C-alpha atoms as a PDB file:
ATOM      1  CA  MET A   1       0.000   0.000   0.000  1.00  0.00           C
ATOM      2  CA  ASP A   2       1.576   3.235  -1.184  1.00  0.00           C
ATOM      3  CA  PRO A   3       0.449   6.208   0.958  1.00  0.00           C
ATOM      4  CA  TRP A   4       1.291   8.547  -1.915  1.00  0.00           C
ATOM      5  CA  ALA A   5      -1.307   6.810  -4.090  1.00  0.00           C
ATOM      6  CA  TYR A   6      -3.862   9.069  -2.373  1.00  0.00           C
ATOM      7  CA  GLU A   7      -4.397  12.798  -2.623  1.00  0.00           C
ATOM      8  CA  TYR A   8      -4.293  14.820   0.587  1.00  0.00           C
ATOM      9  CA  PRO A   9      -5.651  18.283   1.282  1.00  0.00           C
ATOM     10  CA  SER A  10      -3.128  20.768   2.617  1.00  0.00           C
ATOM     11  CA  PRO A  11      -2.859  20.595   6.423  1.00  0.00           C
ATOM     12  CA  LEU A  12      -3.061  24.421   6.316  1.00  0.00           C
ATOM     13  CA  GLU A  13      -6.353  24.530   4.383  1.00  0.00           C
ATOM     14  CA  GLY A  14      -8.413  27.309   6.000  1.00  0.00           C
ATOM     15  CA  TYR A  15      -5.362  28.736   7.802  1.00  0.00           C
ATOM     16  CA  GLU A  16      -3.502  30.204   4.811  1.00  0.00           C
ATOM     17  CA  ASN A  17      -4.092  33.887   5.626  1.00  0.00           C
ATOM     18  CA  LEU A  18      -3.193  33.868   9.322  1.00  0.00           C
ATOM     19  CA  GLU A  19      -0.191  35.695  10.741  1.00  0.00           C
ATOM     20  CA  PRO A  20       2.989  33.600  10.797  1.00  0.00           C
ATOM     21  CA  LEU A  21       3.620  31.828  14.081  1.00  0.00           C
ATOM     22  CA  SER A  22       6.462  32.893  16.354  1.00  0.00           C
ATOM     23  CA  GLU A  23       9.473  30.676  17.016  1.00  0.00           C
ATOM     24  CA  GLU A  24       9.620  32.056  20.581  1.00  0.00           C
ATOM     25  CA  ARG A  25      10.091  29.365  23.233  1.00  0.00           C
ATOM     26  CA  ASN A  26       8.265  28.802  26.502  1.00  0.00           C
ATOM     27  CA  GLU A  27      10.105  28.901  29.836  1.00  0.00           C
ATOM     28  CA  ASP A  28      11.101  25.241  29.481  1.00  0.00           C
ATOM     29  CA  GLY A  29      13.277  26.306  26.530  1.00  0.00           C
ATOM     30  CA  LYS A  30      11.903  23.493  24.352  1.00  0.00           C
ATOM     31  CA  SER A  31       8.233  24.021  23.549  1.00  0.00           C
ATOM     32  CA  LEU A  32       6.997  26.817  21.318  1.00  0.00           C
ATOM     33  CA  LYS A  33       4.693  29.629  22.427  1.00  0.00           C
ATOM     34  CA  ASN A  34       1.368  29.406  20.631  1.00  0.00           C
ATOM     35  CA  PRO A  35      -1.040  32.288  20.211  1.00  0.00           C
ATOM     36  CA  PRO A  36      -3.556  32.587  23.064  1.00  0.00           C
ATOM     37  CA  PRO A  37      -6.553  30.299  22.452  1.00  0.00           C
ATOM     38  CA  THR A  38      -9.782  31.978  21.382  1.00  0.00           C
ATOM     39  CA  LYS A  39     -11.735  28.692  21.411  1.00  0.00           C
ATOM     40  CA  THR A  40     -11.071  24.976  21.625  1.00  0.00           C
ATOM     41  CA  SER A  41     -10.860  22.855  18.508  1.00  0.00           C
ATOM     42  CA  GLU A  42     -14.101  21.328  17.223  1.00  0.00           C
ATOM     43  CA  ALA A  43     -12.214  17.997  17.222  1.00  0.00           C
ATOM     44  CA  TYR A  44     -12.832  17.795  20.994  1.00  0.00           C
ATOM     45  CA  LYS A  45     -16.581  17.490  20.287  1.00  0.00           C
ATOM     46  CA  ALA A  46     -16.798  15.641  16.954  1.00  0.00           C
ATOM     47  CA  PHE A  47     -14.486  13.609  14.757  1.00  0.00           C
ATOM     48  CA  PRO A  48     -13.192  15.561  11.740  1.00  0.00           C
ATOM     49  CA  ASP A  49     -14.612  14.864   8.287  1.00  0.00           C
ATOM     50  CA  PRO A  50     -14.662  12.333   6.719  1.00  0.00           C
ATOM     51  CA  ILE A  51     -14.744  10.253   9.939  1.00  0.00           C
ATOM     52  CA  ALA A  52     -18.225   9.038  10.933  1.00  0.00           C
ATOM     53  CA  ASN A  53     -20.110  10.848  13.695  1.00  0.00           C
ATOM     54  CA  GLY A  54     -23.455   9.886  15.174  1.00  0.00           C
ATOM     55  CA  SER A  55     -25.039   6.457  14.764  1.00  0.00           C
ATOM     56  CA  LYS A  56     -21.954   4.874  13.138  1.00  0.00           C
ATOM     57  CA  PRO A  57     -18.763   4.540  15.168  1.00  0.00           C
ATOM     58  CA  GLY A  58     -15.982   6.967  14.319  1.00  0.00           C
ATOM     59  CA  PHE A  59     -13.341   4.362  15.168  1.00  0.00           C
ATOM     60  CA  ASP A  60     -13.081   0.592  15.445  1.00  0.00           C
ATOM     61  CA  ILE A  61     -10.400  -0.961  17.593  1.00  0.00           C
ATOM     62  CA  HIS A  62      -9.571  -4.590  16.829  1.00  0.00           C
ATOM     63  CA  ILE A  63      -7.605  -6.262  19.615  1.00  0.00           C
ATOM     64  CA  TYR A  64      -5.590  -9.165  18.214  1.00  0.00           C
ATOM     65  CA  PHE A  65      -4.214 -12.308  19.831  1.00  0.00           C
ATOM     66  CA  GLN A  66      -2.561 -15.467  18.539  1.00  0.00           C
ATOM     67  CA  HIS A  67      -5.539 -17.840  18.652  1.00  0.00           C
ATOM     68  CA  THR A  68      -3.187 -20.866  18.752  1.00  0.00           C
ATOM     69  CA  ASP A  69      -1.382 -19.609  21.897  1.00  0.00           C
ATOM     70  CA  GLU A  70      -3.238 -20.604  25.087  1.00  0.00           C
ATOM     71  CA  GLU A  71      -1.615 -17.853  27.166  1.00  0.00           C
ATOM     72  CA  GLN A  72      -2.571 -15.123  24.689  1.00  0.00           C
ATOM     73  CA  VAL A  73      -6.128 -16.480  24.397  1.00  0.00           C
ATOM     74  CA  ALA A  74      -6.483 -16.459  28.202  1.00  0.00           C
ATOM     75  CA  PHE A  75      -5.089 -12.917  28.441  1.00  0.00           C
ATOM     76  CA  ALA A  76      -7.346 -11.710  25.607  1.00  0.00           C
ATOM     77  CA  LYS A  77     -10.438 -13.239  27.259  1.00  0.00           C
ATOM     78  CA  ALA A  78      -9.540 -11.562  30.557  1.00  0.00           C
ATOM     79  CA  LEU A  79      -8.985  -8.223  28.778  1.00  0.00           C
ATOM     80  CA  HIS A  80     -12.310  -8.581  26.934  1.00  0.00           C
ATOM     81  CA  THR A  81     -14.083  -9.162  30.269  1.00  0.00           C
ATOM     82  CA  ARG A  82     -12.296  -6.247  31.928  1.00  0.00           C
ATOM     83  CA  ILE A  83     -13.206  -3.872  29.081  1.00  0.00           C
ATOM     84  CA  ARG A  84     -16.870  -4.892  29.367  1.00  0.00           C
ATOM     85  CA  HIS A  85     -16.769  -4.086  33.110  1.00  0.00           C
ATOM     86  CA  GLU A  86     -14.649  -0.929  32.827  1.00  0.00           C
ATOM     87  CA  PHE A  87     -16.416   0.557  29.781  1.00  0.00           C
ATOM     88  CA  PRO A  88     -20.019  -0.766  29.725  1.00  0.00           C
ATOM     89  CA  GLU A  89     -21.111   2.242  27.648  1.00  0.00           C
ATOM     90  CA  LEU A  90     -18.950   1.158  24.695  1.00  0.00           C
ATOM     91  CA  LYS A  91     -20.075  -1.183  21.926  1.00  0.00           C
ATOM     92  CA  ILE A  92     -18.013  -4.335  22.468  1.00  0.00           C
ATOM     93  CA  PHE A  93     -18.314  -7.278  20.096  1.00  0.00           C
ATOM     94  CA  ARG A  94     -17.994 -11.002  20.658  1.00  0.00           C
ATOM     95  CA  PHE A  95     -14.705 -12.821  21.087  1.00  0.00           C
ATOM     96  CA  TRP A  96     -13.501 -14.456  17.851  1.00  0.00           C
ATOM     97  CA  ASP A  97     -11.130 -17.348  18.578  1.00  0.00           C
ATOM     98  CA  ARG A  98     -10.210 -17.719  14.906  1.00  0.00           C
ATOM     99  CA  PRO A  99      -9.408 -15.480  11.927  1.00  0.00           C
ATOM    100  CA  ILE A 100     -12.401 -13.673  10.416  1.00  0.00           C
ATOM    101  CA  GLY A 101     -12.686 -11.239   7.506  1.00  0.00           C
ATOM    102  CA  PRO A 102      -9.471  -9.289   6.998  1.00  0.00           C
ATOM    103  CA  HIS A 103      -8.248 -10.226  10.489  1.00  0.00           C
ATOM    104  CA  PRO A 104      -5.565 -12.970  10.265  1.00  0.00           C
ATOM    105  CA  VAL A 105      -5.753 -14.058  13.921  1.00  0.00           C
ATOM    106  CA  GLY A 106      -8.294 -14.136  16.739  1.00  0.00           C
ATOM    107  CA  MET A 107      -9.672 -10.769  17.792  1.00  0.00           C
ATOM    108  CA  PHE A 108     -12.452  -8.775  19.362  1.00  0.00           C
ATOM    109  CA  GLU A 109     -13.673  -5.303  18.442  1.00  0.00           C
ATOM    110  CA  VAL A 110     -14.515  -2.193  20.442  1.00  0.00           C
ATOM    111  CA  ASP A 111     -16.334   0.692  18.721  1.00  0.00           C
ATOM    112  CA  LEU A 112     -15.850   4.337  19.709  1.00  0.00           C
ATOM    113  CA  PHE A 113     -18.504   6.914  18.826  1.00  0.00           C
ATOM    114  CA  THR A 114     -17.120  10.154  20.283  1.00  0.00           C
ATOM    115  CA  PRO A 115     -13.778  11.889  20.817  1.00  0.00           C
ATOM    116  CA  GLU A 116     -14.497  11.614  24.552  1.00  0.00           C
ATOM    117  CA  GLN A 117     -14.736   7.807  24.318  1.00  0.00           C
ATOM    118  CA  PHE A 118     -11.598   7.715  22.159  1.00  0.00           C
ATOM    119  CA  GLY A 119      -9.713   9.910  24.634  1.00  0.00           C
ATOM    120  CA  ALA A 120     -10.659   7.670  27.561  1.00  0.00           C
ATOM    121  CA  PHE A 121     -10.327   4.225  25.992  1.00  0.00           C
ATOM    122  CA  VAL A 122      -7.166   4.500  23.875  1.00  0.00           C
ATOM    123  CA  PRO A 123      -4.822   5.597  26.728  1.00  0.00           C
ATOM    124  CA  TRP A 124      -6.388   2.915  28.952  1.00  0.00           C
ATOM    125  CA  LEU A 125      -5.725   0.287  26.262  1.00  0.00           C
ATOM    126  CA  VAL A 126      -2.118   1.468  25.779  1.00  0.00           C
ATOM    127  CA  VAL A 127      -1.456   0.627  29.430  1.00  0.00           C
ATOM    128  CA  ASN A 128      -3.627  -2.507  29.747  1.00  0.00           C
ATOM    129  CA  ARG A 129      -3.319  -4.405  26.430  1.00  0.00           C
ATOM    130  CA  GLY A 130      -0.354  -6.436  27.685  1.00  0.00           C
ATOM    131  CA  PRO A 131       1.286  -8.557  24.944  1.00  0.00           C
ATOM    132  CA  LEU A 132      -1.601  -8.064  22.511  1.00  0.00           C
ATOM    133  CA  SER A 133      -1.707  -5.879  19.415  1.00  0.00           C
ATOM    134  CA  ALA A 134      -4.484  -3.477  18.471  1.00  0.00           C
ATOM    135  CA  LEU A 135      -5.516  -2.041  15.123  1.00  0.00           C
ATOM    136  CA  VAL A 136      -7.135   1.393  15.486  1.00  0.00           C
ATOM    137  CA  HIS A 137      -8.906   2.607  12.357  1.00  0.00           C
ATOM    138  CA  PRO A 138     -11.412   5.316  11.469  1.00  0.00           C
ATOM    139  CA  ASN A 139     -14.667   4.711   9.629  1.00  0.00           C
ATOM    140  CA  THR A 140     -14.841   7.031   6.636  1.00  0.00           C
ATOM    141  CA  GLY A 141     -16.675   4.828   4.148  1.00  0.00           C
ATOM    142  CA  SER A 142     -13.427   3.679   2.519  1.00  0.00           C
ATOM    143  CA  GLU A 143     -12.929   0.228   4.085  1.00  0.00           C
ATOM    144  CA  TYR A 144      -9.626  -0.567   2.395  1.00  0.00           C
ATOM    145  CA  ARG A 145      -8.018   2.800   3.098  1.00  0.00           C
ATOM    146  CA  ASP A 146      -9.371   2.885   6.669  1.00  0.00           C
ATOM    147  CA  HIS A 147      -7.789  -0.513   7.448  1.00  0.00           C
ATOM    148  CA  THR A 148      -4.465   0.326   5.744  1.00  0.00           C
ATOM    149  CA  GLN A 149      -3.342   3.910   5.068  1.00  0.00           C
ATOM    150  CA  ARG A 150      -5.435   5.485   7.851  1.00  0.00           C
ATOM    151  CA  ALA A 151      -4.793   2.735  10.409  1.00  0.00           C
ATOM    152  CA  THR A 152      -2.695   3.049  13.556  1.00  0.00           C
ATOM    153  CA  TRP A 153      -1.212   0.084  15.405  1.00  0.00           C
ATOM    154  CA  MET A 154      -0.399  -0.582  19.041  1.00  0.00           C
ATOM    155  CA  GLY A 155       2.097  -3.402  19.388  1.00  0.00           C
ATOM    156  CA  THR A 156       3.201  -5.593  16.510  1.00  0.00           C
ATOM    157  CA  PRO A 157       1.188  -5.030  13.303  1.00  0.00           C
ATOM    158  CA  PHE A 158      -0.403  -8.042  11.622  1.00  0.00           C
ATOM    159  CA  PRO A 159      -0.650  -8.242   7.825  1.00  0.00           C
ATOM    160  CA  LEU A 160      -4.349  -7.962   7.023  1.00  0.00           C
ATOM    161  CA  ILE A 161      -6.143  -9.988   4.360  1.00  0.00           C
ATOM    162  CA  THR A 162      -7.309  -7.014   2.305  1.00  0.00           C
ATOM    163  CA  GLY A 163      -8.710  -8.613  -0.868  1.00  0.00           C
ATOM    164  CA  GLY A 164     -12.262  -8.603   0.497  1.00  0.00           C
ATOM    165  CA  LEU A 165     -11.915  -4.971   1.577  1.00  0.00           C
ATOM    166  CA  MET A 166     -10.853  -3.969  -1.935  1.00  0.00           C
ATOM    167  CA  LYS A 167     -13.822  -5.850  -3.435  1.00  0.00           C
ATOM    168  CA  LEU A 168     -16.202  -4.268  -0.909  1.00  0.00           C
ATOM    169  CA  GLU A 169     -14.817  -0.817  -1.651  1.00  0.00           C
ATOM    170  CA  GLY A 170     -15.143  -1.419  -5.394  1.00  0.00           C
ATOM    171  CA  ARG A 171     -18.822  -2.383  -4.966  1.00  0.00           C
ATOM    172  CA  GLU A 172     -19.443   0.731  -2.877  1.00  0.00           C
ATOM    173  CA  LYS A 173     -17.888   2.940  -5.575  1.00  0.00           C
ATOM    174  CA  VAL A 174     -20.073   1.273  -8.224  1.00  0.00           C
ATOM    175  CA  LYS A 175     -23.198   1.889  -6.095  1.00  0.00           C
ATOM    176  CA  LEU A 176     -22.187   5.514  -5.557  1.00  0.00           C
ATOM    177  CA  GLY A 177     -21.570   5.929  -9.291  1.00  0.00           C
ATOM    178  CA  GLU A 178     -24.998   4.434 -10.059  1.00  0.00           C
ATOM    179  CA  LYS A 179     -26.630   6.852  -7.602  1.00  0.00           C
ATOM    180  CA  ARG A 180     -24.845   9.827  -9.173  1.00  0.00           C
ATOM    181  CA  GLU A 181     -25.771   8.652 -12.667  1.00  0.00           C
ATOM    182  CA  GLY A 182     -29.415   8.213 -11.598  1.00  0.00           C
ATOM    183  CA  ARG A 183     -29.511  11.756 -10.195  1.00  0.00           C
ATOM    184  CA  ALA A 184     -27.927  13.154 -13.347  1.00  0.00           C
ATOM    185  CA  ASN A 185     -30.642  11.444 -15.404  1.00  0.00           C
ATOM    186  CA  GLY A 186     -33.430  12.804 -13.192  1.00  0.00           C
ATOM    187  CA  GLY A 187     -33.631   9.700 -10.992  1.00  0.00           C
ATOM    188  CA  GLY A 188     -33.944   9.625  -7.204  1.00  0.00           C
ATOM    189  CA  SER A 189     -31.338   9.104  -4.546  1.00  0.00           C
END
């Protein structure tokens, strides 16, 4: 997967005409002085576009374990139970003791719907995941890109089985194209 195969908007989009920032340092001599805040970023309240907000989770976290290793399976089951007790408000899926979909080993999934949930759960998982790995990915409607280029890993990454994601994404693009064509020809949504 080549990250440069995608186009990216400028990180400064919407900020082009602001005054240049100072290189002045704070008292610690290392960090830079920023302008005084006039408001907090909207990203504290909602995920940035194109990440899902609302009824669909903004992020999925897949917690992986070697399903053939009894110690990892036991640890993963204990972690799954602890997460259900610690975070009952989160959407937590069943425990898969075998590969499923693009996931090459056993796993379970936790869905995060708000930046607040993300901010609470991800640091907790960093400290408590033990020997397990976790794939953190956004949901933007681009399954392949979300699981690859936009993904973040904790621990050792696992190579995903992405063929099905590419097929799914291709079908979604065809459906979207059919919708656009229907609208252009006077059809409905």
